[in-house]
Amino acid sequence: MADPREGVTTDGLIVTGARRDRVPSAFEPVLAYVLGRVPPEVAVHVYGSVANGTATVPTSDVDLLTIGLPAADAAGLGAEASAAFAEVCRGVEIAAASSDDYLGEGDEAYGNRVFLRHYCAHLAGPDPGAGLPGFPADARAARGFNGDIERSLRRWRAALGRDDPSDLSRRIARKSLLALAGLVSVHDGTWTTDRSAAARWSEIEPALAPQLARLRTLCGSGGGSADETEALLASGGVIESIATRFAAEIGLWQA
């Protein structure tokens, strides 16, 4: 669900609704369950609709970010919590990062810091985001979030015929619409990560409107067929168009 508080401050910084005191009470038992099973030296944050207060029972996901928890442990705990709280949420997704993911001047590390500072609410353990400044709502932040769109396109093409097309098409749609939100942000001098920004881009590039509408549908549907997924990734197709425009107007992560 879109964050109604997301936008730009008067001095040009990103603002969102992510705050610990906005977590709906219905999801507190889920958080307590996870926190009780994570070592104290691991940083745990909540993000997404639970963090900004727009989550609803039982259709929202509980999205958590851990720093210092092994990926296998995060995946196992997420599956366990999802089963335990199936009546409360659609699922519990626990991302696993390391402290090194936030270091350096590269685009990816910069984007990670922006995300930690503005989209995550700290729950437990060390808080590496506590000393971070507010970040400008600009092309650098947009590139930090989605400057890997061309790499993603290559990876998706390599996955054709291997990955389940319904899952693959949903991943394609979600990531591509996030990149499109970055394009809208830079084009309009605003800031959004809302996938519904596709409607605004349809005004900028009307020829893409039907395909962008389909991407929005794929995000929340059962996904597309193998033929449709292949068409999305075709040379000259909608995903390549988004990646090319992103590269030209915002730029890509450097190797």
Protein backbone atom coordinates (compact mmCIF):
# COMPACT_ATOMS: atom_id res chain seq x y z
CA MET A 1 0.00 0.00 0.00
CA ALA A 2 1.26 3.47 -0.86
CA ASP A 3 2.77 5.57 1.91
CA PRO A 4 0.70 8.78 2.07
CA ARG A 5 3.55 10.60 3.83
CA GLU A 6 6.19 9.86 1.19
CA GLY A 7 7.48 12.90 -0.64
CA VAL A 8 9.96 15.76 -0.42
CA THR A 9 10.58 18.20 2.43
CA THR A 10 10.78 21.94 1.84
CA ASP A 11 14.58 21.65 1.78
CA GLY A 12 14.57 18.89 -0.83
CA LEU A 13 15.06 15.81 1.35
CA ILE A 14 13.22 12.51 1.17
CA VAL A 15 10.45 12.07 3.71
CA THR A 16 8.39 8.94 4.45
CA GLY A 17 6.00 7.67 7.08
CA ALA A 18 8.30 4.93 8.41
CA ARG A 19 8.39 5.19 12.21
CA ARG A 20 8.40 2.68 15.04
CA ASP A 21 5.32 4.19 16.67
CA ARG A 22 3.28 3.79 13.48
CA VAL A 23 3.44 -0.02 13.49
CA PRO A 24 -0.17 -1.28 13.80
CA SER A 25 -0.72 -3.15 17.06
CA ALA A 26 -2.01 -6.23 15.20
CA PHE A 27 1.51 -6.87 13.90
CA GLU A 28 3.37 -6.47 17.19
CA PRO A 29 3.15 -10.22 18.02
CA VAL A 30 4.82 -11.01 14.69
CA LEU A 31 7.68 -8.64 15.46
CA ALA A 32 8.03 -10.00 19.00
CA TYR A 33 8.18 -13.56 17.64
CA VAL A 34 11.02 -12.70 15.28
CA LEU A 35 12.93 -10.54 17.75
CA GLY A 36 12.82 -13.34 20.31
CA ARG A 37 14.70 -15.57 17.87
CA VAL A 38 17.39 -13.18 16.66
CA PRO A 39 20.73 -12.73 18.47
CA PRO A 40 21.11 -9.35 20.23
CA GLU A 41 24.07 -8.34 18.07
CA VAL A 42 21.91 -8.41 14.92
CA ALA A 43 20.28 -5.15 13.80
CA VAL A 44 16.60 -5.61 12.99
CA HIS A 45 14.43 -3.08 11.14
CA VAL A 46 10.90 -3.15 9.77
CA TYR A 47 10.00 -1.48 6.50
CA GLY A 48 7.10 -1.33 4.07
CA SER A 49 3.45 -0.93 5.00
CA VAL A 50 3.94 -2.19 8.56
CA ALA A 51 6.57 0.50 9.18
CA ASN A 52 4.50 3.34 7.75
CA GLY A 53 1.25 2.28 9.39
CA THR A 54 -0.77 1.37 6.30
CA ALA A 55 -0.65 -2.43 6.72
CA THR A 56 -3.89 -4.38 6.99
CA VAL A 57 -4.73 -7.81 8.39
CA PRO A 58 -4.42 -10.38 6.80
CA THR A 59 -3.32 -9.16 3.35
CA SER A 60 -0.12 -7.24 4.11
CA ASP A 61 3.39 -8.64 4.26
CA VAL A 62 5.66 -8.07 7.24
CA ASP A 63 8.98 -6.95 5.74
CA LEU A 64 12.07 -7.02 7.93
CA LEU A 65 15.69 -6.10 7.30
CA THR A 66 18.43 -7.70 9.34
CA ILE A 67 22.08 -6.69 9.36
CA GLY A 68 24.36 -9.45 10.58
CA LEU A 69 22.00 -12.43 10.33
CA PRO A 70 23.10 -15.21 7.94
CA ALA A 71 20.88 -15.43 4.86
CA ALA A 72 19.93 -19.06 5.53
CA ASP A 73 18.85 -18.19 9.07
CA ALA A 74 16.81 -15.24 7.80
CA ALA A 75 15.04 -17.40 5.22
CA GLY A 76 14.29 -20.12 7.74
CA LEU A 77 12.97 -17.72 10.36
CA GLY A 78 10.84 -15.95 7.76
CA ALA A 79 9.22 -19.23 6.71
CA GLU A 80 8.65 -20.20 10.34
CA ALA A 81 7.06 -16.85 11.21
CA SER A 82 4.93 -16.91 8.06
CA ALA A 83 3.45 -20.24 9.10
CA ALA A 84 2.92 -19.12 12.69
CA PHE A 85 1.10 -15.92 11.71
CA ALA A 86 -0.74 -16.94 8.55
CA GLU A 87 -3.96 -15.42 9.92
CA VAL A 88 -2.28 -12.06 10.55
CA CYS A 89 -0.22 -11.44 7.42
CA ARG A 90 0.36 -12.73 3.92
CA GLY A 91 3.93 -13.60 4.80
CA VAL A 92 7.02 -12.58 6.76
CA GLU A 93 9.96 -11.68 4.55
CA ILE A 94 13.33 -11.24 6.27
CA ALA A 95 16.14 -9.71 4.22
CA ALA A 96 19.72 -10.39 5.27
CA ALA A 97 22.40 -7.73 4.81
CA SER A 98 25.90 -7.17 6.14
CA SER A 99 27.45 -3.98 7.48
CA ASP A 100 29.69 -3.87 4.39
CA ASP A 101 26.60 -3.35 2.23
CA TYR A 102 26.36 0.21 3.59
CA LEU A 103 29.98 1.26 3.18
CA GLY A 104 31.64 3.17 0.36
CA GLU A 105 30.68 5.69 -2.29
CA GLY A 106 29.22 3.30 -4.84
CA ASP A 107 25.63 3.67 -6.00
CA GLU A 108 24.44 0.44 -4.40
CA ALA A 109 25.85 1.30 -0.96
CA TYR A 110 24.44 4.82 -1.25
CA GLY A 111 21.01 3.45 -2.09
CA ASN A 112 21.22 1.07 0.86
CA ARG A 113 21.94 3.99 3.20
CA VAL A 114 19.05 6.00 1.77
CA PHE A 115 16.72 3.05 2.28
CA LEU A 116 17.92 2.43 5.83
CA ARG A 117 17.60 6.10 6.79
CA HIS A 118 14.21 6.85 5.25
CA TYR A 119 12.30 3.59 4.83
CA CYS A 120 13.23 1.50 7.87
CA ALA A 121 12.14 1.71 11.50
CA HIS A 122 14.64 0.29 13.98
CA LEU A 123 13.40 -2.54 16.20
CA ALA A 124 16.37 -4.11 17.99
CA GLY A 125 20.13 -4.52 18.08
CA PRO A 126 22.65 -1.93 16.88
CA ASP A 127 21.18 0.93 14.88
CA PRO A 128 23.53 1.75 11.98
CA GLY A 129 21.01 4.21 10.59
CA ALA A 130 20.94 6.41 13.68
CA GLY A 131 23.74 8.71 12.55
CA LEU A 132 22.78 8.97 8.90
CA PRO A 133 21.70 12.38 7.57
CA GLY A 134 18.60 13.04 5.53
CA PHE A 135 19.19 12.32 1.84
CA PRO A 136 18.20 14.52 -1.11
CA ALA A 137 15.31 13.40 -3.30
CA ASP A 138 17.34 13.37 -6.49
CA ALA A 139 18.74 11.29 -9.31
CA ARG A 140 21.51 9.87 -7.14
CA ALA A 141 18.98 8.38 -4.73
CA ALA A 142 16.88 7.06 -7.62
CA ARG A 143 20.01 5.50 -9.14
CA GLY A 144 20.96 3.98 -5.79
CA PHE A 145 17.58 2.26 -5.61
CA ASN A 146 17.22 1.04 -9.19
CA GLY A 147 20.42 1.64 -11.11
CA ASP A 148 20.69 -2.13 -11.47
CA ILE A 149 17.68 -2.25 -13.82
CA GLU A 150 19.81 -3.13 -16.85
CA ARG A 151 21.58 -5.89 -14.90
CA SER A 152 18.17 -7.13 -13.80
CA LEU A 153 17.00 -7.23 -17.42
CA ARG A 154 19.97 -9.41 -18.38
CA ARG A 155 19.33 -11.68 -15.40
CA TRP A 156 15.63 -12.03 -16.23
CA ARG A 157 16.40 -12.91 -19.83
CA ALA A 158 18.80 -15.59 -18.63
CA ALA A 159 16.04 -16.98 -16.40
CA LEU A 160 13.58 -17.52 -19.28
CA GLY A 161 12.76 -21.20 -19.59
CA ARG A 162 14.29 -21.91 -16.19
CA ASP A 163 12.22 -19.97 -13.64
CA ASP A 164 8.48 -20.31 -13.21
CA PRO A 165 7.02 -17.67 -15.59
CA SER A 166 4.34 -16.49 -13.16
CA ASP A 167 6.92 -15.76 -10.45
CA LEU A 168 9.39 -14.31 -12.94
CA SER A 169 6.81 -11.99 -14.49
CA ARG A 170 5.81 -10.66 -11.06
CA ARG A 171 9.45 -9.96 -10.20
CA ILE A 172 9.91 -8.22 -13.53
CA ALA A 173 6.82 -6.06 -13.03
CA ARG A 174 7.63 -5.05 -9.46
CA LYS A 175 11.23 -4.07 -10.11
CA SER A 176 10.47 -2.32 -13.40
CA LEU A 177 7.69 -0.24 -11.87
CA LEU A 178 10.01 0.80 -9.04
CA ALA A 179 12.49 1.99 -11.66
CA LEU A 180 9.65 3.82 -13.38
CA ALA A 181 8.79 5.56 -10.10
CA GLY A 182 12.37 6.81 -10.05
CA LEU A 183 11.95 8.17 -13.56
CA VAL A 184 8.77 9.96 -12.55
CA SER A 185 10.50 11.38 -9.47
CA VAL A 186 13.37 12.85 -11.48
CA HIS A 187 11.19 14.01 -14.38
CA ASP A 188 8.67 15.78 -12.13
CA GLY A 189 11.08 16.95 -9.43
CA THR A 190 9.26 14.97 -6.75
CA TRP A 191 9.89 11.71 -4.90
CA THR A 192 7.94 8.47 -4.95
CA THR A 193 8.52 4.73 -4.84
CA ASP A 194 4.85 4.01 -5.48
CA ARG A 195 4.29 1.66 -8.41
CA SER A 196 1.14 3.58 -9.29
CA ALA A 197 3.50 6.25 -10.68
CA ALA A 198 3.14 4.20 -13.87
CA ALA A 199 -0.06 6.16 -14.49
CA ARG A 200 1.94 9.39 -14.58
CA TRP A 201 4.54 7.89 -16.94
CA SER A 202 1.70 6.81 -19.21
CA GLU A 203 1.00 10.52 -19.68
CA ILE A 204 4.65 11.17 -20.53
CA GLU A 205 4.91 8.18 -22.91
CA PRO A 206 1.32 7.39 -23.99
CA ALA A 207 2.48 4.63 -26.33
CA LEU A 208 3.53 2.58 -23.30
CA ALA A 209 0.27 3.05 -21.39
CA PRO A 210 -1.31 -0.38 -22.13
CA GLN A 211 1.89 -2.24 -21.28
CA LEU A 212 2.43 -0.25 -18.08
CA ALA A 213 -1.13 -0.99 -17.01
CA ARG A 214 -0.43 -4.67 -17.56
CA LEU A 215 2.71 -4.48 -15.42
CA ARG A 216 0.63 -3.04 -12.58
CA THR A 217 -1.81 -5.92 -12.93
CA LEU A 218 1.00 -8.49 -12.89
CA CYS A 219 2.28 -7.13 -9.57
CA GLY A 220 -0.82 -8.26 -7.75
CA SER A 221 -2.04 -11.12 -9.93
CA GLY A 222 -1.04 -14.71 -10.41
CA GLY A 223 1.59 -13.63 -12.89
CA GLY A 224 1.94 -14.05 -16.62
CA SER A 225 2.38 -16.96 -18.99
CA ALA A 226 5.68 -18.04 -20.48
CA ASP A 227 4.84 -16.31 -23.77
CA GLU A 228 3.86 -13.06 -22.07
CA THR A 229 6.98 -13.09 -19.90
CA GLU A 230 9.17 -13.59 -22.97
CA ALA A 231 7.37 -10.72 -24.72
CA LEU A 232 8.01 -8.40 -21.76
CA LEU A 233 11.73 -9.05 -22.10
CA ALA A 234 11.94 -8.90 -25.88
CA SER A 235 14.31 -6.53 -27.64
CA GLY A 236 12.47 -3.23 -28.02
CA GLY A 237 9.87 -4.29 -25.46
CA VAL A 238 8.52 -2.35 -22.49
CA ILE A 239 11.16 -3.48 -19.98
CA GLU A 240 14.02 -2.62 -22.32
CA SER A 241 12.36 0.74 -22.92
CA ILE A 242 12.25 1.46 -19.18
CA ALA A 243 15.87 0.36 -18.71
CA THR A 244 17.07 2.46 -21.64
CA ARG A 245 15.24 5.57 -20.43
CA PHE A 246 16.53 5.04 -16.89
CA ALA A 247 20.11 4.73 -18.14
CA ALA A 248 19.79 7.93 -20.18
CA GLU A 249 18.09 10.12 -17.57
CA ILE A 250 19.33 8.75 -14.24
CA GLY A 251 22.25 6.44 -14.95
CA LEU A 252 23.21 2.90 -14.00
CA TRP A 253 25.38 1.32 -11.35
CA GLN A 254 28.98 1.18 -12.45
CA ALA A 255 30.67 -2.22 -12.54
